[in-house]
Structures are given as C-alpha cells and as structure tokens.
Amino acid sequence: MSPSGDTLLVELAELDLLTLTQHTEAAGDTISLEQRMVQLAASQQAGHPFVLVRREGRVVAYANYSPHESVCWFVLMLNIHPAWRTPAVLGELVRYSHALFAERGVERLVSHVYRTNAASVRFHRRLGFTVARENTRGFEFQARVDDLILPERLGGLQQAPLRGVEPAAPNPAIGYGAV
C-alpha cells in the first residue's frame, strides 16, 4: 500500500534508522529521520510502489521499488524489523512483491547493499540474487524475478498463511500490502 500521511512516513523512517544506521555510518554515509522522510516522500510522490506488512497495527516490514527500465526495477528499500524477521513476515513481503512484479511485468531486479550489512547480503543471496558488480563500499545484486527463491522454497522456511488477509486488489496507483 502506498504510504499516506506523515505518520506512516515517520514510521517507515524510524524503522530504517533502527536497522540501517550502523551500516550506513560504517560505510561513511549519513542517515537521519528527516533525510529518510524526504526520501520516502519523494518516492511516494514519484509513484514508486510500496509493499507493507503490518502486525499489531505497525509496519514491521516494507519494500519500495523504482522502475529502472521497462522490465527492470531497482529495490530502493527492503526492510524488516529485527523482532519480526520470521518466515511469516518474510513470506508475506516476498509474496506481495512477487504479485506486484507479475502484475507490472517486472522481469529483473537490481539492488545495492553495503558490505557492512552482512544480514542483507545473506538475505539477497538466499533469495537468488547474484553479485553483478562490487566496490569497496558495497555490492550490486541482480536477479531475474522468475529465478527468485520464494520463502516456501528457502531452507527451513514454510509458506506462512496470510492470517485471513489477502493482498489488496491490483491497483497501479497503490501497489500491494496488508493493511
């Protein structure tokens, strides 16, 4: 679902600060609540789709994508709260994203990850991304959507039921997400 209102932007930016501050600063970059809110608002205004997963009334995971080429999208952000890094949340996030890719005809994904973010590097590799390029600060991962390993095929993870929540009806203006 597309973010709406400052409250959601603050919620997403706070999640980003929680999980990204250490890696961002270790790579020599800066991150702040205001900076993230500006970036998220710009993404929203540009119509870049967001995929949200909520638990207990809060966003616990989200992804934000930007069309890079007609059939290739850039992963602007993929973030899961440390307390919610479970097969169920991961499965929901990936399945909603995969449904969005199918609807929009996305064939390939590109993602950048700091070298210092070992969890994200492992996560990308487990999903089937491969390193296309790298430098001293990070990796550029790429994957064909059809080659992504969905959570139910990852070792030890089972497909989690969506607890009675279905993806939002396809709508190019808002993307997908559990509300």
N, C-alpha and C. Protein backbone atom coordinates (compact mmCIF):
# COMPACT_ATOMS: atom_id res chain seq x y z
N MET A 1 0.85 -1.16 0.00
CA MET A 1 0.00 0.00 0.00
C MET A 1 0.90 1.22 0.00
N SER A 2 0.50 2.21 -0.69
CA SER A 2 1.28 3.43 -0.77
C SER A 2 1.19 4.18 0.56
N PRO A 3 2.32 4.68 1.05
CA PRO A 3 2.25 5.45 2.28
C PRO A 3 1.36 6.67 2.10
N SER A 4 0.65 7.02 3.14
CA SER A 4 -0.15 8.24 3.10
C SER A 4 -0.03 8.92 4.44
N GLY A 5 0.36 10.17 4.42
CA GLY A 5 0.44 10.95 5.64
C GLY A 5 1.79 10.86 6.31
N ASP A 6 2.06 11.89 7.09
CA ASP A 6 3.34 11.96 7.78
C ASP A 6 3.54 10.84 8.79
N THR A 7 2.46 10.36 9.41
CA THR A 7 2.58 9.32 10.42
C THR A 7 3.25 8.08 9.85
N LEU A 8 2.80 7.65 8.68
CA LEU A 8 3.39 6.46 8.07
C LEU A 8 4.83 6.73 7.63
N LEU A 9 5.09 7.91 7.09
CA LEU A 9 6.46 8.24 6.69
C LEU A 9 7.40 8.22 7.89
N VAL A 10 6.94 8.74 9.03
CA VAL A 10 7.75 8.69 10.25
C VAL A 10 7.98 7.24 10.66
N GLU A 11 6.93 6.43 10.59
CA GLU A 11 7.05 5.02 10.97
C GLU A 11 8.08 4.29 10.10
N LEU A 12 8.03 4.51 8.80
CA LEU A 12 8.99 3.87 7.89
C LEU A 12 10.40 4.40 8.13
N ALA A 13 10.53 5.71 8.30
CA ALA A 13 11.85 6.30 8.54
C ALA A 13 12.44 5.80 9.86
N GLU A 14 11.62 5.66 10.88
CA GLU A 14 12.12 5.13 12.16
C GLU A 14 12.59 3.69 12.03
N LEU A 15 11.87 2.90 11.27
CA LEU A 15 12.31 1.52 11.01
C LEU A 15 13.65 1.52 10.28
N ASP A 16 13.79 2.40 9.30
CA ASP A 16 15.06 2.50 8.58
C ASP A 16 16.21 2.88 9.51
N LEU A 17 15.97 3.87 10.38
CA LEU A 17 17.03 4.27 11.31
C LEU A 17 17.42 3.13 12.24
N LEU A 18 16.43 2.38 12.71
CA LEU A 18 16.69 1.25 13.59
C LEU A 18 17.63 0.23 12.95
N THR A 19 17.38 -0.08 11.68
CA THR A 19 18.12 -1.17 11.05
C THR A 19 19.30 -0.73 10.19
N LEU A 20 19.35 0.53 9.79
CA LEU A 20 20.36 0.94 8.82
C LEU A 20 21.44 1.88 9.33
N THR A 21 21.24 2.47 10.49
CA THR A 21 22.20 3.48 10.97
C THR A 21 23.62 2.93 11.05
N GLN A 22 23.79 1.79 11.67
CA GLN A 22 25.13 1.22 11.84
C GLN A 22 25.81 0.97 10.50
N HIS A 23 25.10 0.37 9.56
CA HIS A 23 25.70 0.04 8.25
C HIS A 23 25.97 1.29 7.43
N THR A 24 25.06 2.24 7.49
CA THR A 24 25.22 3.47 6.72
C THR A 24 26.43 4.26 7.21
N GLU A 25 26.53 4.41 8.53
CA GLU A 25 27.65 5.17 9.09
C GLU A 25 28.98 4.44 8.89
N ALA A 26 28.97 3.11 8.99
CA ALA A 26 30.20 2.33 8.76
C ALA A 26 30.70 2.48 7.33
N ALA A 27 29.77 2.75 6.40
CA ALA A 27 30.14 2.94 5.00
C ALA A 27 30.54 4.38 4.71
N GLY A 28 30.47 5.24 5.74
CA GLY A 28 30.88 6.63 5.56
C GLY A 28 29.76 7.55 5.12
N ASP A 29 28.54 7.10 5.15
CA ASP A 29 27.40 7.93 4.77
C ASP A 29 26.66 8.39 6.01
N THR A 30 25.70 9.27 5.82
CA THR A 30 24.89 9.75 6.94
C THR A 30 23.44 9.35 6.73
N ILE A 31 22.71 9.28 7.84
CA ILE A 31 21.30 8.96 7.79
C ILE A 31 20.63 9.70 8.95
N SER A 32 19.44 10.23 8.68
CA SER A 32 18.68 10.91 9.73
C SER A 32 17.20 10.70 9.46
N LEU A 33 16.40 10.95 10.48
CA LEU A 33 14.96 10.82 10.33
C LEU A 33 14.45 11.77 9.25
N GLU A 34 14.89 13.00 9.29
CA GLU A 34 14.43 13.99 8.31
C GLU A 34 14.84 13.59 6.89
N GLN A 35 16.07 13.14 6.74
CA GLN A 35 16.57 12.72 5.43
C GLN A 35 15.74 11.56 4.88
N ARG A 36 15.49 10.56 5.71
CA ARG A 36 14.70 9.41 5.27
C ARG A 36 13.28 9.82 4.92
N MET A 37 12.69 10.73 5.71
CA MET A 37 11.32 11.17 5.41
C MET A 37 11.26 11.89 4.06
N VAL A 38 12.25 12.71 3.77
CA VAL A 38 12.31 13.40 2.48
C VAL A 38 12.43 12.38 1.35
N GLN A 39 13.30 11.38 1.53
CA GLN A 39 13.49 10.36 0.50
C GLN A 39 12.22 9.54 0.30
N LEU A 40 11.57 9.15 1.38
CA LEU A 40 10.34 8.37 1.28
C LEU A 40 9.22 9.18 0.63
N ALA A 41 9.10 10.45 1.01
CA ALA A 41 8.07 11.31 0.42
C ALA A 41 8.32 11.49 -1.07
N ALA A 42 9.58 11.64 -1.47
CA ALA A 42 9.91 11.79 -2.89
C ALA A 42 9.55 10.51 -3.65
N SER A 43 9.82 9.37 -3.05
CA SER A 43 9.47 8.10 -3.69
C SER A 43 7.96 7.96 -3.84
N GLN A 44 7.24 8.33 -2.80
CA GLN A 44 5.79 8.29 -2.84
C GLN A 44 5.26 9.22 -3.92
N GLN A 45 5.76 10.44 -3.98
CA GLN A 45 5.30 11.42 -4.97
C GLN A 45 5.62 10.99 -6.39
N ALA A 46 6.71 10.23 -6.56
CA ALA A 46 7.08 9.72 -7.88
C ALA A 46 6.24 8.52 -8.29
N GLY A 47 5.42 8.02 -7.38
CA GLY A 47 4.57 6.87 -7.70
C GLY A 47 5.26 5.53 -7.58
N HIS A 48 6.40 5.51 -6.90
CA HIS A 48 7.10 4.23 -6.72
C HIS A 48 6.31 3.37 -5.76
N PRO A 49 6.05 2.11 -6.12
CA PRO A 49 5.22 1.26 -5.26
C PRO A 49 5.91 0.86 -3.96
N PHE A 50 5.10 0.82 -2.91
CA PHE A 50 5.50 0.33 -1.60
C PHE A 50 4.73 -0.96 -1.33
N VAL A 51 5.37 -1.90 -0.66
CA VAL A 51 4.72 -3.11 -0.18
C VAL A 51 4.90 -3.11 1.33
N LEU A 52 3.79 -3.17 2.07
CA LEU A 52 3.84 -3.10 3.52
C LEU A 52 3.33 -4.38 4.15
N VAL A 53 3.93 -4.76 5.26
CA VAL A 53 3.43 -5.85 6.09
C VAL A 53 3.24 -5.26 7.49
N ARG A 54 2.02 -5.42 8.01
CA ARG A 54 1.71 -4.88 9.34
C ARG A 54 1.44 -6.01 10.32
N ARG A 55 1.82 -5.75 11.55
CA ARG A 55 1.48 -6.61 12.67
C ARG A 55 1.17 -5.69 13.84
N GLU A 56 0.11 -6.02 14.57
CA GLU A 56 -0.25 -5.26 15.76
C GLU A 56 -0.36 -3.77 15.46
N GLY A 57 -0.86 -3.43 14.26
CA GLY A 57 -1.10 -2.05 13.90
C GLY A 57 0.12 -1.26 13.45
N ARG A 58 1.27 -1.90 13.35
CA ARG A 58 2.50 -1.21 12.95
C ARG A 58 3.11 -1.88 11.72
N VAL A 59 3.81 -1.10 10.92
CA VAL A 59 4.57 -1.66 9.81
C VAL A 59 5.78 -2.37 10.38
N VAL A 60 5.90 -3.67 10.08
CA VAL A 60 7.04 -4.44 10.57
C VAL A 60 7.99 -4.81 9.43
N ALA A 61 7.53 -4.60 8.20
CA ALA A 61 8.38 -4.87 7.04
C ALA A 61 7.83 -4.06 5.87
N TYR A 62 8.75 -3.63 5.02
CA TYR A 62 8.29 -2.96 3.81
C TYR A 62 9.36 -3.04 2.73
N ALA A 63 8.88 -2.87 1.51
CA ALA A 63 9.76 -2.78 0.35
C ALA A 63 9.28 -1.60 -0.48
N ASN A 64 10.22 -0.96 -1.15
CA ASN A 64 9.92 0.18 -2.00
C ASN A 64 10.72 -0.02 -3.29
N TYR A 65 10.05 0.07 -4.40
CA TYR A 65 10.67 -0.22 -5.69
C TYR A 65 10.56 0.97 -6.63
N SER A 66 11.52 1.08 -7.54
CA SER A 66 11.51 2.13 -8.54
C SER A 66 11.76 1.51 -9.92
N PRO A 67 10.88 1.81 -10.88
CA PRO A 67 11.17 1.33 -12.23
C PRO A 67 12.52 1.87 -12.70
N HIS A 68 13.36 0.99 -13.15
CA HIS A 68 14.71 1.34 -13.62
C HIS A 68 14.75 1.35 -15.14
N GLU A 69 14.17 0.34 -15.70
CA GLU A 69 13.95 0.20 -17.14
C GLU A 69 12.56 -0.39 -17.28
N SER A 70 12.10 -0.61 -18.48
CA SER A 70 10.72 -1.08 -18.65
C SER A 70 10.44 -2.39 -17.91
N VAL A 71 11.37 -3.31 -17.90
CA VAL A 71 11.13 -4.59 -17.24
C VAL A 71 12.10 -4.84 -16.07
N CYS A 72 12.84 -3.81 -15.68
CA CYS A 72 13.80 -3.92 -14.59
C CYS A 72 13.49 -2.86 -13.54
N TRP A 73 13.38 -3.30 -12.29
CA TRP A 73 13.12 -2.37 -11.19
C TRP A 73 14.28 -2.37 -10.22
N PHE A 74 14.49 -1.21 -9.60
CA PHE A 74 15.51 -1.06 -8.57
C PHE A 74 14.84 -1.20 -7.20
N VAL A 75 15.47 -1.96 -6.32
CA VAL A 75 14.98 -2.11 -4.95
C VAL A 75 15.49 -0.90 -4.16
N LEU A 76 14.62 0.07 -3.92
CA LEU A 76 15.01 1.25 -3.16
C LEU A 76 15.21 0.91 -1.69
N MET A 77 14.34 0.04 -1.16
CA MET A 77 14.43 -0.34 0.25
C MET A 77 13.71 -1.66 0.45
N LEU A 78 14.31 -2.49 1.25
CA LEU A 78 13.69 -3.71 1.72
C LEU A 78 14.10 -3.81 3.18
N ASN A 79 13.12 -3.72 4.09
CA ASN A 79 13.46 -3.62 5.49
C ASN A 79 12.47 -4.42 6.33
N ILE A 80 13.00 -5.20 7.26
CA ILE A 80 12.19 -5.99 8.19
C ILE A 80 12.68 -5.70 9.60
N HIS A 81 11.76 -5.34 10.48
CA HIS A 81 12.11 -5.05 11.87
C HIS A 81 12.78 -6.30 12.47
N PRO A 82 13.88 -6.12 13.21
CA PRO A 82 14.59 -7.28 13.77
C PRO A 82 13.71 -8.22 14.59
N ALA A 83 12.73 -7.70 15.30
CA ALA A 83 11.86 -8.56 16.11
C ALA A 83 10.84 -9.32 15.28
N TRP A 84 10.73 -8.99 14.01
CA TRP A 84 9.73 -9.61 13.13
C TRP A 84 10.37 -10.32 11.95
N ARG A 85 11.60 -10.68 12.04
CA ARG A 85 12.27 -11.41 10.95
C ARG A 85 11.92 -12.89 11.06
N THR A 86 10.67 -13.16 10.70
CA THR A 86 10.11 -14.51 10.80
C THR A 86 9.74 -15.01 9.41
N PRO A 87 9.59 -16.32 9.27
CA PRO A 87 9.14 -16.86 7.98
C PRO A 87 7.80 -16.26 7.53
N ALA A 88 6.90 -16.02 8.46
CA ALA A 88 5.58 -15.50 8.09
C ALA A 88 5.68 -14.09 7.51
N VAL A 89 6.44 -13.22 8.17
CA VAL A 89 6.57 -11.84 7.69
C VAL A 89 7.36 -11.80 6.38
N LEU A 90 8.47 -12.51 6.34
CA LEU A 90 9.25 -12.57 5.11
C LEU A 90 8.40 -13.11 3.97
N GLY A 91 7.66 -14.18 4.23
CA GLY A 91 6.83 -14.78 3.19
C GLY A 91 5.79 -13.81 2.66
N GLU A 92 5.16 -13.09 3.55
CA GLU A 92 4.14 -12.12 3.14
C GLU A 92 4.77 -11.02 2.29
N LEU A 93 5.90 -10.48 2.72
CA LEU A 93 6.56 -9.41 1.98
C LEU A 93 6.97 -9.87 0.58
N VAL A 94 7.56 -11.04 0.51
CA VAL A 94 8.04 -11.53 -0.79
C VAL A 94 6.86 -11.91 -1.70
N ARG A 95 5.82 -12.53 -1.15
CA ARG A 95 4.67 -12.91 -1.99
C ARG A 95 3.94 -11.68 -2.52
N TYR A 96 3.74 -10.66 -1.69
CA TYR A 96 3.11 -9.43 -2.17
C TYR A 96 3.98 -8.78 -3.24
N SER A 97 5.28 -8.75 -3.02
CA SER A 97 6.19 -8.16 -4.01
C SER A 97 6.14 -8.94 -5.31
N HIS A 98 6.16 -10.26 -5.21
CA HIS A 98 6.12 -11.10 -6.41
C HIS A 98 4.83 -10.87 -7.19
N ALA A 99 3.70 -10.73 -6.49
CA ALA A 99 2.43 -10.44 -7.16
C ALA A 99 2.49 -9.10 -7.88
N LEU A 100 3.10 -8.10 -7.25
CA LEU A 100 3.26 -6.79 -7.87
C LEU A 100 4.12 -6.90 -9.13
N PHE A 101 5.21 -7.66 -9.05
CA PHE A 101 6.09 -7.83 -10.22
C PHE A 101 5.33 -8.49 -11.37
N ALA A 102 4.55 -9.50 -11.06
CA ALA A 102 3.78 -10.20 -12.10
C ALA A 102 2.79 -9.24 -12.75
N GLU A 103 2.11 -8.45 -11.95
CA GLU A 103 1.13 -7.50 -12.49
C GLU A 103 1.77 -6.46 -13.39
N ARG A 104 2.95 -5.99 -13.01
CA ARG A 104 3.61 -4.90 -13.73
C ARG A 104 4.58 -5.37 -14.80
N GLY A 105 4.74 -6.69 -14.94
CA GLY A 105 5.63 -7.21 -15.98
C GLY A 105 7.11 -7.05 -15.67
N VAL A 106 7.44 -6.99 -14.40
CA VAL A 106 8.85 -6.84 -14.00
C VAL A 106 9.55 -8.17 -14.18
N GLU A 107 10.67 -8.15 -14.88
CA GLU A 107 11.42 -9.37 -15.14
C GLU A 107 12.73 -9.45 -14.37
N ARG A 108 13.27 -8.29 -13.98
CA ARG A 108 14.58 -8.26 -13.35
C ARG A 108 14.60 -7.23 -12.23
N LEU A 109 15.40 -7.51 -11.20
CA LEU A 109 15.58 -6.59 -10.07
C LEU A 109 17.05 -6.27 -9.89
N VAL A 110 17.32 -5.05 -9.46
CA VAL A 110 18.67 -4.61 -9.12
C VAL A 110 18.61 -4.05 -7.70
N SER A 111 19.61 -4.35 -6.89
CA SER A 111 19.63 -3.90 -5.50
C SER A 111 21.05 -3.60 -5.08
N HIS A 112 21.24 -2.52 -4.31
CA HIS A 112 22.56 -2.18 -3.78
C HIS A 112 22.59 -2.46 -2.28
N VAL A 113 23.68 -3.06 -1.80
CA VAL A 113 23.81 -3.42 -0.39
C VAL A 113 25.21 -3.05 0.08
N TYR A 114 25.27 -2.37 1.24
CA TYR A 114 26.57 -2.09 1.85
C TYR A 114 27.25 -3.39 2.24
N ARG A 115 28.57 -3.45 2.08
CA ARG A 115 29.35 -4.61 2.51
C ARG A 115 29.17 -4.87 4.01
N THR A 116 28.98 -3.81 4.78
CA THR A 116 28.86 -3.92 6.22
C THR A 116 27.53 -4.53 6.66
N ASN A 117 26.59 -4.66 5.75
CA ASN A 117 25.27 -5.21 6.08
C ASN A 117 25.23 -6.70 5.74
N ALA A 118 25.91 -7.47 6.57
CA ALA A 118 26.05 -8.91 6.31
C ALA A 118 24.70 -9.62 6.23
N ALA A 119 23.74 -9.22 7.06
CA ALA A 119 22.42 -9.86 7.04
C ALA A 119 21.73 -9.64 5.69
N SER A 120 21.84 -8.44 5.15
CA SER A 120 21.21 -8.16 3.86
C SER A 120 21.92 -8.89 2.72
N VAL A 121 23.23 -8.97 2.80
CA VAL A 121 23.99 -9.70 1.79
C VAL A 121 23.55 -11.17 1.78
N ARG A 122 23.46 -11.78 2.97
CA ARG A 122 22.99 -13.18 3.07
C ARG A 122 21.57 -13.32 2.54
N PHE A 123 20.72 -12.39 2.93
CA PHE A 123 19.32 -12.42 2.51
C PHE A 123 19.20 -12.37 0.99
N HIS A 124 19.91 -11.46 0.35
CA HIS A 124 19.87 -11.36 -1.11
C HIS A 124 20.34 -12.67 -1.76
N ARG A 125 21.40 -13.23 -1.25
CA ARG A 125 21.91 -14.48 -1.82
C ARG A 125 20.92 -15.62 -1.63
N ARG A 126 20.29 -15.68 -0.47
CA ARG A 126 19.30 -16.76 -0.22
C ARG A 126 18.10 -16.64 -1.14
N LEU A 127 17.74 -15.41 -1.50
CA LEU A 127 16.60 -15.22 -2.40
C LEU A 127 16.95 -15.50 -3.86
N GLY A 128 18.24 -15.63 -4.16
CA GLY A 128 18.63 -15.95 -5.52
C GLY A 128 19.30 -14.81 -6.27
N PHE A 129 19.58 -13.70 -5.60
CA PHE A 129 20.31 -12.60 -6.23
C PHE A 129 21.77 -13.01 -6.40
N THR A 130 22.40 -12.49 -7.42
CA THR A 130 23.84 -12.70 -7.63
C THR A 130 24.52 -11.34 -7.72
N VAL A 131 25.80 -11.31 -7.41
CA VAL A 131 26.57 -10.07 -7.46
C VAL A 131 26.89 -9.76 -8.92
N ALA A 132 26.47 -8.59 -9.36
CA ALA A 132 26.76 -8.15 -10.72
C ALA A 132 28.00 -7.26 -10.74
N ARG A 133 28.13 -6.43 -9.70
CA ARG A 133 29.29 -5.55 -9.57
C ARG A 133 29.54 -5.33 -8.08
N GLU A 134 30.76 -4.89 -7.77
CA GLU A 134 31.06 -4.56 -6.38
C GLU A 134 32.17 -3.53 -6.35
N ASN A 135 32.22 -2.82 -5.23
CA ASN A 135 33.31 -1.90 -4.97
C ASN A 135 33.65 -1.98 -3.49
N THR A 136 34.47 -1.09 -3.01
CA THR A 136 34.90 -1.17 -1.61
C THR A 136 33.76 -0.93 -0.64
N ARG A 137 32.70 -0.26 -1.05
CA ARG A 137 31.58 0.05 -0.16
C ARG A 137 30.45 -0.96 -0.21
N GLY A 138 30.26 -1.61 -1.36
CA GLY A 138 29.11 -2.50 -1.42
C GLY A 138 29.01 -3.33 -2.67
N PHE A 139 27.85 -3.96 -2.79
CA PHE A 139 27.55 -4.88 -3.88
C PHE A 139 26.35 -4.38 -4.68
N GLU A 140 26.37 -4.64 -5.97
CA GLU A 140 25.16 -4.50 -6.78
C GLU A 140 24.69 -5.92 -7.07
N PHE A 141 23.51 -6.24 -6.55
CA PHE A 141 22.90 -7.54 -6.78
C PHE A 141 21.90 -7.43 -7.91
N GLN A 142 21.75 -8.52 -8.66
CA GLN A 142 20.72 -8.60 -9.69
C GLN A 142 20.07 -9.97 -9.62
N ALA A 143 18.81 -10.01 -10.04
CA ALA A 143 18.09 -11.29 -10.09
C ALA A 143 16.99 -11.20 -11.13
N ARG A 144 16.75 -12.31 -11.78
CA ARG A 144 15.56 -12.43 -12.61
C ARG A 144 14.42 -12.79 -11.67
N VAL A 145 13.28 -12.13 -11.83
CA VAL A 145 12.13 -12.38 -10.94
C VAL A 145 11.76 -13.85 -10.96
N ASP A 146 11.78 -14.47 -12.14
CA ASP A 146 11.40 -15.89 -12.23
C ASP A 146 12.39 -16.80 -11.51
N ASP A 147 13.59 -16.32 -11.25
CA ASP A 147 14.60 -17.14 -10.57
C ASP A 147 14.64 -16.91 -9.06
N LEU A 148 13.85 -15.95 -8.56
CA LEU A 148 13.84 -15.70 -7.13
C LEU A 148 13.35 -16.93 -6.39
N ILE A 149 13.98 -17.19 -5.27
CA ILE A 149 13.59 -18.32 -4.43
C ILE A 149 12.58 -17.80 -3.43
N LEU A 150 11.34 -18.20 -3.59
CA LEU A 150 10.29 -17.75 -2.70
C LEU A 150 10.47 -18.37 -1.32
N PRO A 151 9.98 -17.72 -0.28
CA PRO A 151 10.23 -18.18 1.10
C PRO A 151 9.90 -19.64 1.34
N GLU A 152 8.85 -20.15 0.71
CA GLU A 152 8.50 -21.55 0.96
C GLU A 152 9.54 -22.51 0.41
N ARG A 153 10.43 -22.02 -0.47
CA ARG A 153 11.49 -22.87 -1.01
C ARG A 153 12.82 -22.64 -0.32
N LEU A 154 12.91 -21.63 0.56
CA LEU A 154 14.14 -21.41 1.33
C LEU A 154 14.27 -22.48 2.39
N GLY A 155 15.44 -22.92 2.63
CA GLY A 155 15.66 -23.96 3.61
C GLY A 155 15.07 -23.62 4.97
N GLY A 156 14.23 -24.49 5.47
CA GLY A 156 13.67 -24.32 6.80
C GLY A 156 12.47 -23.40 6.90
N LEU A 157 12.15 -22.67 5.86
CA LEU A 157 11.00 -21.77 5.92
C LEU A 157 9.80 -22.41 5.25
N GLN A 158 8.68 -22.28 5.87
CA GLN A 158 7.43 -22.80 5.31
C GLN A 158 6.59 -21.63 4.85
N GLN A 159 5.78 -21.86 3.82
CA GLN A 159 4.89 -20.80 3.38
C GLN A 159 3.92 -20.50 4.52
N ALA A 160 3.89 -19.25 4.91
CA ALA A 160 3.05 -18.85 6.03
C ALA A 160 1.69 -18.41 5.53
N PRO A 161 0.61 -18.81 6.20
CA PRO A 161 -0.70 -18.31 5.82
C PRO A 161 -0.76 -16.81 6.08
N LEU A 162 -1.56 -16.11 5.32
CA LEU A 162 -1.67 -14.67 5.46
C LEU A 162 -2.67 -14.28 6.53
N ARG A 163 -3.03 -15.20 7.41
CA ARG A 163 -3.90 -14.93 8.55
C ARG A 163 -5.17 -14.22 8.13
N GLY A 164 -5.79 -14.71 7.06
CA GLY A 164 -7.06 -14.17 6.62
C GLY A 164 -6.95 -12.85 5.87
N VAL A 165 -5.74 -12.38 5.61
CA VAL A 165 -5.56 -11.12 4.90
C VAL A 165 -5.12 -11.43 3.49
N GLU A 166 -5.82 -10.92 2.54
CA GLU A 166 -5.46 -11.10 1.14
C GLU A 166 -4.77 -9.85 0.63
N PRO A 167 -3.94 -9.97 -0.40
CA PRO A 167 -3.32 -8.77 -0.96
C PRO A 167 -4.41 -7.82 -1.45
N ALA A 168 -4.09 -6.56 -1.39
CA ALA A 168 -5.02 -5.57 -1.94
C ALA A 168 -5.23 -5.87 -3.41
N ALA A 169 -6.38 -5.53 -3.91
CA ALA A 169 -6.66 -5.73 -5.33
C ALA A 169 -5.61 -4.99 -6.14
N PRO A 170 -5.17 -5.57 -7.26
CA PRO A 170 -4.17 -4.88 -8.07
C PRO A 170 -4.65 -3.48 -8.43
N ASN A 171 -3.80 -2.52 -8.18
CA ASN A 171 -4.10 -1.13 -8.48
C ASN A 171 -2.78 -0.43 -8.72
N PRO A 172 -2.49 -0.03 -9.95
CA PRO A 172 -1.20 0.56 -10.25
C PRO A 172 -0.87 1.76 -9.38
N ALA A 173 -1.85 2.44 -8.84
CA ALA A 173 -1.57 3.64 -8.06
C ALA A 173 -1.10 3.33 -6.65
N ILE A 174 -1.44 2.14 -6.10
CA ILE A 174 -1.13 1.91 -4.70
C ILE A 174 -0.27 0.69 -4.42
N GLY A 175 -0.09 -0.20 -5.36
CA GLY A 175 0.73 -1.38 -5.07
C GLY A 175 -0.02 -2.39 -4.24
N TYR A 176 0.68 -3.08 -3.34
CA TYR A 176 0.10 -4.16 -2.56
C TYR A 176 0.43 -3.98 -1.10
N GLY A 177 -0.31 -4.64 -0.27
CA GLY A 177 0.06 -4.71 1.14
C GLY A 177 -1.08 -5.11 2.01
N ALA A 178 -0.75 -5.66 3.14
CA ALA A 178 -1.75 -5.97 4.14
C ALA A 178 -1.97 -4.72 4.97
N VAL A 179 -3.20 -4.38 5.17
CA VAL A 179 -3.49 -3.12 5.87
C VAL A 179 -3.85 -3.40 7.31
